[in-house]
Amino acid sequence: RYASVDEIIKHVRFLVSKYNMNVLTIYDDQILLNKKRAKQLFREFAQFNLRIECPNGLSVAFMDEELIKLMRNAGMDTVNLAIESGSPHVLNEIIHKPLKLEMVKPVVQILRKYGFWIHGFFVTGIPGEKDEDRDKTVKFIKEVGLDWSGFSLLMPTRGSESFKISIKNGFIKKDTKIGELDYNKFIINTPEYTSEHVIKKTYLMNLDVNFVNNYRMRNGEYRIAADAFRDVIKRYENHAFAYYYLSKALYALNEDKEAQDAMNKYHEILEKDNTWKEYTKHFNIN
């Protein structure tokens, strides 16, 4: 059931006039489902000079150039695409998501044309997913050219299909308590993969596409890449790869002093943390 466009715009106008609202965050997963309505909304939003955010994943299936241009004019500069996997097997046979992967790249190219920062959402650890599927996801991300990719480990919510499958096959304990189903803890163990293996594999995927093969670095957009790595450091102050690739970006920008400081920090972390040494060896970083 839709709220009318007129009522939404009336409410936004009230918030802007009474509270000087300057950021509008939309949490509707299906804001684009009715494309005609979505275009009307974004067309109207443009009058308010807001920053508009849609932090939940949006579907590429409903995006065309007219809509993307309207989103940009309305005040959006970042888009989160709900892709979930770069493996057709996972999409079609396991989670039954009605997304054709070949639709993604043309949409990404249009988003790139209008200056969007493009973030992809992916889920790993789905029962039935294999390492080859995860490798296909990494390859897909590189080929499509996403600015950043977020990886979530599957949490089998009670009542969901993944929960039923996990209980039936013994992937999680039948007496799993509510508190043990934690979004920050991956607990699925299958005959093929332990939870520890999937956690490590997923983190390597993250390092691969966001750092080692970062889209902006590969395309010589070092200033944008440096800002992204700085943002990671703000959140994770001991992220060795963020310092290493920040250093590389800054050297490319001839900002040698800050670049050397970042490289020194990278080496400092390596000296104290064997896990980062392992990641460095895995990606053959000299």
Protein backbone atom coordinates (compact mmCIF):
# COMPACT_ATOMS: atom_id res chain seq x y z
CA ARG A 1 0.00 0.00 0.00
CA TYR A 2 1.59 3.23 -1.14
CA ALA A 3 1.54 6.61 0.53
CA SER A 4 0.67 9.15 -2.13
CA VAL A 5 3.46 11.22 -3.63
CA ASP A 6 1.60 14.40 -2.67
CA GLU A 7 1.45 13.36 1.01
CA ILE A 8 5.14 12.44 1.07
CA ILE A 9 6.15 15.75 -0.49
CA LYS A 10 3.86 17.62 1.92
CA HIS A 11 5.58 15.90 4.85
CA VAL A 12 9.09 16.60 3.50
CA ARG A 13 8.16 20.25 2.98
CA PHE A 14 7.02 20.42 6.62
CA LEU A 15 10.29 18.91 7.89
CA VAL A 16 12.38 21.26 5.77
CA SER A 17 10.45 24.39 6.71
CA LYS A 18 10.05 23.65 10.43
CA TYR A 19 13.28 21.80 11.25
CA ASN A 20 15.63 22.82 8.41
CA MET A 21 16.05 19.17 7.46
CA ASN A 22 18.92 18.74 5.01
CA VAL A 23 19.23 14.94 4.77
CA LEU A 24 16.40 12.60 3.82
CA THR A 25 17.02 8.90 4.44
CA ILE A 26 14.69 6.43 2.75
CA TYR A 27 14.59 2.90 4.18
CA ASP A 28 12.02 1.46 1.78
CA ASP A 29 13.62 -1.61 0.13
CA GLN A 30 11.15 -1.31 -2.75
CA ILE A 31 11.23 2.44 -3.37
CA LEU A 32 11.87 1.73 -7.07
CA LEU A 33 9.31 -1.05 -7.52
CA ASN A 34 6.71 1.30 -8.99
CA LYS A 35 9.04 3.05 -11.42
CA LYS A 36 6.57 5.74 -12.44
CA ARG A 37 5.94 6.67 -8.80
CA ALA A 38 9.68 6.58 -8.02
CA LYS A 39 10.42 8.98 -10.85
CA GLN A 40 7.70 11.33 -9.66
CA LEU A 41 9.09 11.23 -6.11
CA PHE A 42 12.66 12.01 -7.09
CA ARG A 43 11.47 14.69 -9.51
CA GLU A 44 9.66 16.39 -6.62
CA PHE A 45 12.51 15.89 -4.12
CA ALA A 46 14.81 18.03 -6.28
CA GLN A 47 13.09 21.26 -5.15
CA PHE A 48 14.31 20.87 -1.54
CA ASN A 49 18.09 20.80 -2.14
CA LEU A 50 18.55 17.79 0.17
CA ARG A 51 21.09 15.05 0.45
CA ILE A 52 19.10 11.87 -0.18
CA GLU A 53 20.28 8.49 1.06
CA CYS A 54 18.90 5.01 0.40
CA PRO A 55 21.06 2.83 2.70
CA ASN A 56 19.09 -0.33 1.98
CA GLY A 57 19.96 -2.17 -1.22
CA LEU A 58 18.21 -1.07 -4.40
CA SER A 59 17.46 -3.36 -7.34
CA VAL A 60 19.12 -2.74 -10.70
CA ALA A 61 16.07 -4.30 -12.35
CA PHE A 62 14.11 -1.05 -11.99
CA MET A 63 16.84 1.42 -12.91
CA ASP A 64 16.98 3.20 -16.25
CA GLU A 65 18.84 6.36 -17.26
CA GLU A 66 15.90 8.69 -16.67
CA LEU A 67 15.43 7.41 -13.10
CA ILE A 68 19.16 7.53 -12.35
CA LYS A 69 19.39 11.13 -13.59
CA LEU A 70 16.38 12.09 -11.45
CA MET A 71 17.95 10.43 -8.40
CA ARG A 72 21.17 12.41 -8.94
CA ASN A 73 19.34 15.69 -9.46
CA ALA A 74 17.34 15.06 -6.29
CA GLY A 75 20.50 14.89 -4.18
CA MET A 76 21.72 11.28 -4.26
CA ASP A 77 25.41 10.62 -4.86
CA THR A 78 25.72 7.09 -3.47
CA VAL A 79 23.75 4.01 -4.48
CA ASN A 80 23.70 0.61 -2.79
CA LEU A 81 22.94 -2.25 -5.16
CA ALA A 82 21.48 -5.44 -3.68
CA ILE A 83 23.26 -8.03 -5.82
CA GLU A 84 23.93 -10.76 -3.18
CA SER A 85 26.14 -12.99 -5.36
CA GLY A 86 28.09 -12.98 -8.60
CA SER A 87 27.31 -16.66 -9.13
CA PRO A 88 24.30 -17.49 -11.32
CA HIS A 89 24.04 -20.84 -9.50
CA VAL A 90 23.58 -19.12 -6.13
CA LEU A 91 21.10 -16.58 -7.49
CA ASN A 92 19.01 -18.98 -9.56
CA GLU A 93 19.24 -22.32 -7.78
CA ILE A 94 19.79 -21.46 -4.11
CA ILE A 95 18.24 -18.11 -3.16
CA HIS A 96 15.93 -17.78 -6.20
CA LYS A 97 16.62 -14.07 -6.62
CA PRO A 98 15.11 -12.70 -9.86
CA LEU A 99 18.25 -10.91 -10.97
CA LYS A 100 20.10 -11.45 -14.23
CA LEU A 101 23.76 -10.59 -13.67
CA GLU A 102 24.11 -9.23 -17.20
CA MET A 103 21.73 -6.41 -16.16
CA VAL A 104 24.18 -5.05 -13.61
CA LYS A 105 27.04 -3.69 -15.73
CA PRO A 106 24.90 -1.45 -18.00
CA VAL A 107 23.28 0.08 -14.91
CA VAL A 108 26.69 0.58 -13.27
CA GLN A 109 27.90 2.36 -16.41
CA ILE A 110 24.94 4.75 -16.30
CA LEU A 111 25.48 5.37 -12.58
CA ARG A 112 29.14 6.06 -13.34
CA LYS A 113 28.08 8.56 -16.04
CA TYR A 114 26.16 10.58 -13.44
CA GLY A 115 28.93 10.51 -10.83
CA PHE A 116 27.56 8.05 -8.30
CA TRP A 117 29.63 6.18 -5.75
CA ILE A 118 28.55 2.58 -6.37
CA HIS A 119 28.40 0.14 -3.48
CA GLY A 120 27.38 -3.51 -3.89
CA PHE A 121 25.84 -5.72 -1.20
CA PHE A 122 26.80 -9.41 -1.15
CA VAL A 123 25.98 -12.34 1.13
CA THR A 124 28.22 -15.36 1.68
CA GLY A 125 27.93 -18.54 3.72
CA ILE A 126 24.60 -19.55 2.18
CA PRO A 127 24.07 -23.33 2.49
CA GLY A 128 24.90 -24.82 -0.91
CA GLU A 129 27.33 -22.05 -1.85
CA LYS A 130 30.84 -23.26 -2.70
CA ASP A 131 34.22 -21.57 -2.90
CA GLU A 132 33.91 -21.55 -6.68
CA ASP A 133 30.73 -19.47 -6.29
CA ARG A 134 32.55 -17.05 -4.02
CA ASP A 135 35.38 -16.84 -6.56
CA LYS A 136 32.82 -16.05 -9.26
CA THR A 137 31.53 -13.23 -7.08
CA VAL A 138 35.01 -11.73 -6.82
CA LYS A 139 35.50 -12.01 -10.58
CA PHE A 140 32.09 -10.45 -11.22
CA ILE A 141 32.82 -7.46 -8.95
CA LYS A 142 36.10 -6.76 -10.75
CA GLU A 143 34.50 -7.03 -14.18
CA VAL A 144 31.52 -4.82 -13.34
CA GLY A 145 33.63 -2.18 -11.61
CA LEU A 146 32.01 -1.42 -8.25
CA ASP A 147 33.56 1.27 -6.07
CA TRP A 148 33.12 -0.78 -2.92
CA SER A 149 31.59 -4.11 -1.94
CA GLY A 150 30.09 -5.02 1.41
CA PHE A 151 30.06 -8.68 2.43
CA SER A 152 27.64 -10.08 4.98
CA LEU A 153 27.76 -13.60 6.39
CA LEU A 154 24.38 -15.29 6.32
CA MET A 155 22.44 -15.22 9.55
CA PRO A 156 19.69 -17.90 9.42
CA THR A 157 16.77 -15.94 10.86
CA ARG A 158 14.20 -18.11 12.60
CA GLY A 159 11.41 -19.08 10.24
CA SER A 160 13.47 -18.41 7.12
CA GLU A 161 14.26 -21.04 4.51
CA SER A 162 17.95 -20.90 5.42
CA PHE A 163 17.08 -21.60 9.07
CA LYS A 164 14.92 -24.59 8.17
CA ILE A 165 17.61 -26.01 5.86
CA SER A 166 20.31 -25.46 8.47
CA ILE A 167 18.32 -27.19 11.21
CA LYS A 168 17.23 -30.09 8.98
CA ASN A 169 20.80 -30.81 7.82
CA GLY A 170 22.52 -30.19 11.12
CA PHE A 171 24.36 -27.08 9.91
CA ILE A 172 23.38 -25.39 13.16
CA LYS A 173 22.35 -27.01 16.44
CA LYS A 174 18.67 -27.81 16.89
CA ASP A 175 18.77 -26.32 20.37
CA THR A 176 20.29 -23.05 19.15
CA LYS A 177 19.07 -20.34 21.50
CA ILE A 178 17.73 -17.02 20.29
CA GLY A 179 20.76 -15.17 21.61
CA GLU A 180 23.08 -17.40 19.58
CA LEU A 181 21.59 -16.14 16.31
CA ASP A 182 23.71 -13.03 16.12
CA TYR A 183 24.28 -10.91 13.01
CA ASN A 184 27.88 -10.48 14.13
CA LYS A 185 28.55 -14.19 14.48
CA PHE A 186 28.54 -16.80 11.69
CA ILE A 187 27.60 -20.24 13.03
CA ILE A 188 26.77 -22.39 9.98
CA ASN A 189 28.97 -25.46 9.57
CA THR A 190 28.45 -27.76 6.57
CA PRO A 191 30.27 -30.97 5.58
CA GLU A 192 32.18 -28.96 2.96
CA TYR A 193 33.03 -25.82 4.92
CA THR A 194 33.53 -24.90 8.54
CA SER A 195 32.28 -21.53 9.71
CA GLU A 196 35.91 -20.49 10.24
CA HIS A 197 36.74 -21.28 6.60
CA VAL A 198 33.82 -19.20 5.28
CA ILE A 199 34.66 -16.27 7.58
CA LYS A 200 38.28 -16.24 6.38
CA LYS A 201 37.33 -16.72 2.72
CA THR A 202 34.85 -13.85 2.92
CA TYR A 203 37.42 -11.52 4.45
CA LEU A 204 39.87 -12.39 1.68
CA MET A 205 37.14 -11.49 -0.83
CA ASN A 206 36.80 -8.12 0.88
CA LEU A 207 40.55 -7.47 0.79
CA ASP A 208 40.76 -8.55 -2.84
CA VAL A 209 38.09 -6.31 -4.37
CA ASN A 210 38.20 -3.31 -2.01
CA PHE A 211 41.96 -2.99 -1.57
CA VAL A 212 44.20 -5.14 -3.79
CA ASN A 213 42.04 -4.60 -6.88
CA ASN A 214 40.28 -1.39 -5.85
CA TYR A 215 38.34 0.05 -8.81
CA ARG A 216 39.41 3.68 -8.30
CA MET A 217 43.06 2.69 -7.86
CA ARG A 218 42.96 0.61 -11.05
CA ASN A 219 41.57 3.60 -12.92
CA GLY A 220 44.03 6.14 -11.59
CA GLU A 221 41.48 8.02 -9.47
CA TYR A 222 43.86 8.21 -6.53
CA ARG A 223 42.23 11.09 -4.66
CA ILE A 224 38.90 9.29 -4.41
CA ALA A 225 40.64 6.04 -3.49
CA ALA A 226 42.67 7.77 -0.78
CA ASP A 227 39.51 9.22 0.76
CA ALA A 228 37.96 5.75 0.84
CA PHE A 229 41.00 4.25 2.57
CA ARG A 230 41.04 7.10 5.09
CA ASP A 231 37.41 6.33 5.87
CA VAL A 232 38.34 2.70 6.58
CA ILE A 233 41.13 3.84 8.91
CA LYS A 234 38.68 6.03 10.85
CA ARG A 235 36.58 2.92 11.49
CA TYR A 236 39.40 0.37 11.89
CA GLU A 237 42.56 2.11 13.08
CA ASN A 238 44.75 -1.00 12.69
CA HIS A 239 43.70 -1.97 9.16
CA ALA A 240 47.07 -2.68 7.55
CA PHE A 241 45.81 -2.82 3.94
CA ALA A 242 44.04 0.52 4.30
CA TYR A 243 47.36 2.12 5.27
CA TYR A 244 49.28 0.30 2.54
CA TYR A 245 46.93 1.31 -0.28
CA LEU A 246 46.49 4.80 1.13
CA SER A 247 50.27 5.09 0.89
CA LYS A 248 50.24 3.91 -2.74
CA ALA A 249 47.50 6.39 -3.64
CA LEU A 250 49.32 9.28 -1.96
CA TYR A 251 52.63 8.44 -3.63
CA ALA A 252 50.79 8.56 -6.97
CA LEU A 253 49.55 12.04 -5.96
CA ASN A 254 53.12 13.09 -5.03
CA GLU A 255 52.12 13.57 -1.40
CA ASP A 256 55.21 11.77 -0.20
CA LYS A 257 55.29 12.78 3.47
CA GLU A 258 51.81 11.47 4.29
CA ALA A 259 52.43 8.48 2.02
CA GLN A 260 55.55 7.53 3.98
CA ASP A 261 53.71 7.96 7.28
CA ALA A 262 51.01 5.57 6.06
CA MET A 263 53.58 3.05 4.89
CA ASN A 264 55.38 3.24 8.23
CA LYS A 265 52.08 2.54 9.98
CA TYR A 266 51.52 -0.45 7.68
CA HIS A 267 54.88 -1.94 8.68
CA GLU A 268 54.24 -1.18 12.34
CA ILE A 269 51.00 -3.18 12.23
CA LEU A 270 52.69 -6.07 10.40
CA GLU A 271 55.36 -6.34 13.09
CA LYS A 272 52.70 -6.85 15.76
CA ASP A 273 50.05 -8.88 13.92
CA ASN A 274 50.72 -12.24 12.28
CA THR A 275 47.27 -12.31 10.69
CA TRP A 276 48.12 -9.26 8.57
CA LYS A 277 51.43 -10.90 7.69
CA GLU A 278 49.44 -13.89 6.43
CA TYR A 279 47.16 -11.67 4.31
CA THR A 280 50.20 -9.86 2.90
CA LYS A 281 51.76 -13.17 1.91
CA HIS A 282 48.47 -14.41 0.42
CA PHE A 283 48.31 -11.44 -1.98
CA ASN A 284 52.08 -11.39 -2.64
CA ILE A 285 52.45 -7.84 -1.37
CA ASN A 286 56.09 -6.79 -1.22
